[in-house]
Protein backbone atom coordinates (compact mmCIF):
# COMPACT_ATOMS: atom_id res chain seq x y z
CA UNK A 1 0.25 27.14 68.44
CA UNK A 2 1.47 26.48 65.00
CA UNK A 3 0.80 28.82 62.11
CA UNK A 4 -0.84 26.98 59.07
CA UNK A 5 0.70 28.04 55.74
CA UNK A 6 -1.27 28.26 52.44
CA UNK A 7 -1.95 24.70 51.15
CA UNK A 8 -3.91 23.86 48.15
CA UNK A 9 -5.99 20.65 47.88
CA UNK A 10 -5.98 19.01 44.42
CA UNK A 11 -8.35 16.56 43.63
CA UNK A 12 -7.70 13.82 41.02
CA UNK A 13 -4.66 15.32 39.53
CA UNK A 14 -3.92 12.17 37.27
CA UNK A 15 -5.27 12.61 33.94
CA UNK A 16 -7.49 9.72 32.97
CA UNK A 17 -6.60 8.09 29.31
CA UNK A 18 -4.73 4.85 30.39
CA UNK A 19 -6.05 1.65 29.24
CA UNK A 20 -8.39 -0.85 30.81
CA UNK A 21 -9.75 1.60 33.35
CA UNK A 22 -6.19 2.66 34.45
CA UNK A 23 -5.14 6.27 34.64
CA UNK A 24 -2.32 7.35 32.60
CA UNK A 25 0.33 7.30 35.45
CA UNK A 26 -0.76 3.69 36.33
CA UNK A 27 -0.32 2.80 32.69
CA UNK A 28 2.87 4.07 32.59
CA UNK A 29 4.16 1.97 35.67
CA UNK A 30 2.24 -1.37 34.56
CA UNK A 31 2.59 -1.38 30.78
CA UNK A 32 -0.21 -3.28 28.99
CA UNK A 33 0.78 -6.98 28.75
CA UNK A 34 -0.79 -8.92 25.81
CA UNK A 35 -1.67 -12.52 26.36
CA UNK A 36 0.84 -13.93 23.59
CA UNK A 37 3.64 -11.37 24.56
CA UNK A 38 6.45 -12.44 27.09
CA UNK A 39 6.17 -10.27 30.26
CA UNK A 40 10.09 -9.47 29.87
CA UNK A 41 9.31 -8.21 26.32
CA UNK A 42 7.27 -5.39 27.60
CA UNK A 43 9.84 -4.23 30.03
CA UNK A 44 11.76 -1.26 29.35
CA UNK A 45 15.78 -1.75 28.73
CA UNK A 46 16.28 -0.08 31.86
CA UNK A 47 13.98 -2.26 33.93
CA UNK A 48 15.40 -5.13 32.06
CA UNK A 49 18.85 -4.31 32.78
CA UNK A 50 17.94 -3.63 36.47
CA UNK A 51 16.14 -6.98 36.87
CA UNK A 52 19.07 -8.70 35.44
CA UNK A 53 21.62 -7.15 37.86
CA UNK A 54 19.26 -7.70 40.85
CA UNK A 55 19.13 -11.42 39.47
CA UNK A 56 22.71 -11.76 39.09
CA UNK A 57 23.27 -10.25 42.67
CA UNK A 58 20.90 -12.78 44.13
CA UNK A 59 22.71 -15.58 42.44
CA UNK A 60 26.01 -14.38 43.60
CA UNK A 61 24.70 -14.24 47.12
CA UNK A 62 23.32 -17.95 46.99
CA UNK A 63 26.53 -18.94 45.57
CA UNK A 64 28.39 -17.44 48.55
CA UNK A 65 25.60 -18.84 50.94
CA UNK A 66 26.16 -22.25 49.39
CA UNK A 67 29.88 -22.31 49.97
CA UNK A 68 29.62 -20.91 53.67
CA UNK A 69 27.27 -23.86 54.22
CA UNK A 70 29.45 -26.26 52.77
CA UNK A 71 32.20 -25.11 54.72
CA UNK A 72 30.28 -25.11 57.93
CA UNK A 73 28.91 -28.60 57.22
CA UNK A 74 32.57 -29.88 56.60
CA UNK A 75 33.53 -28.49 59.90
CA UNK A 76 30.52 -30.22 61.63
CA UNK A 77 31.24 -33.44 59.91
CA UNK A 78 34.85 -33.24 60.81
CA UNK A 79 33.85 -32.34 64.24
CA UNK A 80 31.62 -35.23 64.57
CA UNK A 81 34.47 -37.77 63.03
CA UNK A 82 36.92 -36.32 65.69
CA UNK A 83 34.67 -36.90 68.64
CA UNK A 84 33.54 -40.46 67.58
CA UNK A 85 37.26 -41.09 67.51
CA UNK A 86 37.93 -39.67 70.92
CA UNK A 87 34.86 -41.43 72.56
CA UNK A 88 36.13 -44.73 71.20
CA UNK A 89 39.27 -44.23 72.61
CA UNK A 90 37.86 -43.02 76.22
CA UNK A 91 35.72 -46.22 76.08
CA UNK A 92 39.04 -48.55 75.37
CA UNK A 93 40.81 -46.83 77.91
CA UNK A 94 37.95 -47.09 80.54
CA UNK A 95 37.72 -50.72 79.92
CA UNK A 96 41.53 -51.20 80.23
CA UNK A 97 41.27 -49.09 83.44
CA UNK A 98 38.48 -51.40 84.95
CA UNK A 99 40.31 -54.56 83.80
CA UNK A 100 43.43 -53.35 85.69
CA UNK A 101 41.54 -52.33 88.74
CA UNK A 102 39.76 -55.70 88.78
CA UNK A 103 43.16 -57.40 88.51
CA UNK A 104 44.55 -55.37 91.39
CA UNK A 105 41.79 -55.97 93.57
CA UNK A 106 42.16 -59.68 92.60
CA UNK A 107 45.62 -59.59 93.45
CA UNK A 108 45.04 -57.79 96.79
CA UNK A 109 42.20 -60.25 97.94
CA UNK A 110 44.49 -63.01 97.13
CA UNK A 111 47.48 -61.55 99.04
CA UNK A 112 45.02 -61.10 101.94
CA UNK A 113 44.08 -64.66 101.71
CA UNK A 114 47.65 -65.68 101.78
CA UNK A 115 48.69 -63.70 104.66
CA UNK A 116 45.95 -64.99 106.78
CA UNK A 117 47.24 -68.48 107.16
CA UNK A 118 50.64 -67.10 107.78
CA UNK A 119 49.22 -64.91 110.65
CA UNK A 120 47.28 -68.07 111.88
CA UNK A 121 50.70 -69.98 111.88
CA UNK A 122 52.43 -67.35 113.60
CA UNK A 123 49.60 -67.44 116.15
CA UNK A 124 49.86 -70.61 116.85
CA UNK A 125 53.49 -70.92 117.13
């Protein structure tokens, strides 16, 4: 069993007195924007500097990401070019091999045909 310490329930501790139905704390966090004023002009210098730092950090991250993407794409295109070249070389090599095999098989069939009459002649003699 846990002991309960003295606690005090506070109700509506934020004082009213902001603008537009907001309490004072909300009015401090969300300053009043006028229609003709730019939102950046209502920012405090600390918030503006923080936003500027955040924006510059984001821009730097995007630049680094862009450079990395360019590097990866260049490597991918180089690989595609290399594989295309290797593929064409292999195709040429396969074609030359099939031509050589056809020539060898035609030579073998011609030599077989030449041997047949010789063997027939020898058989008849």
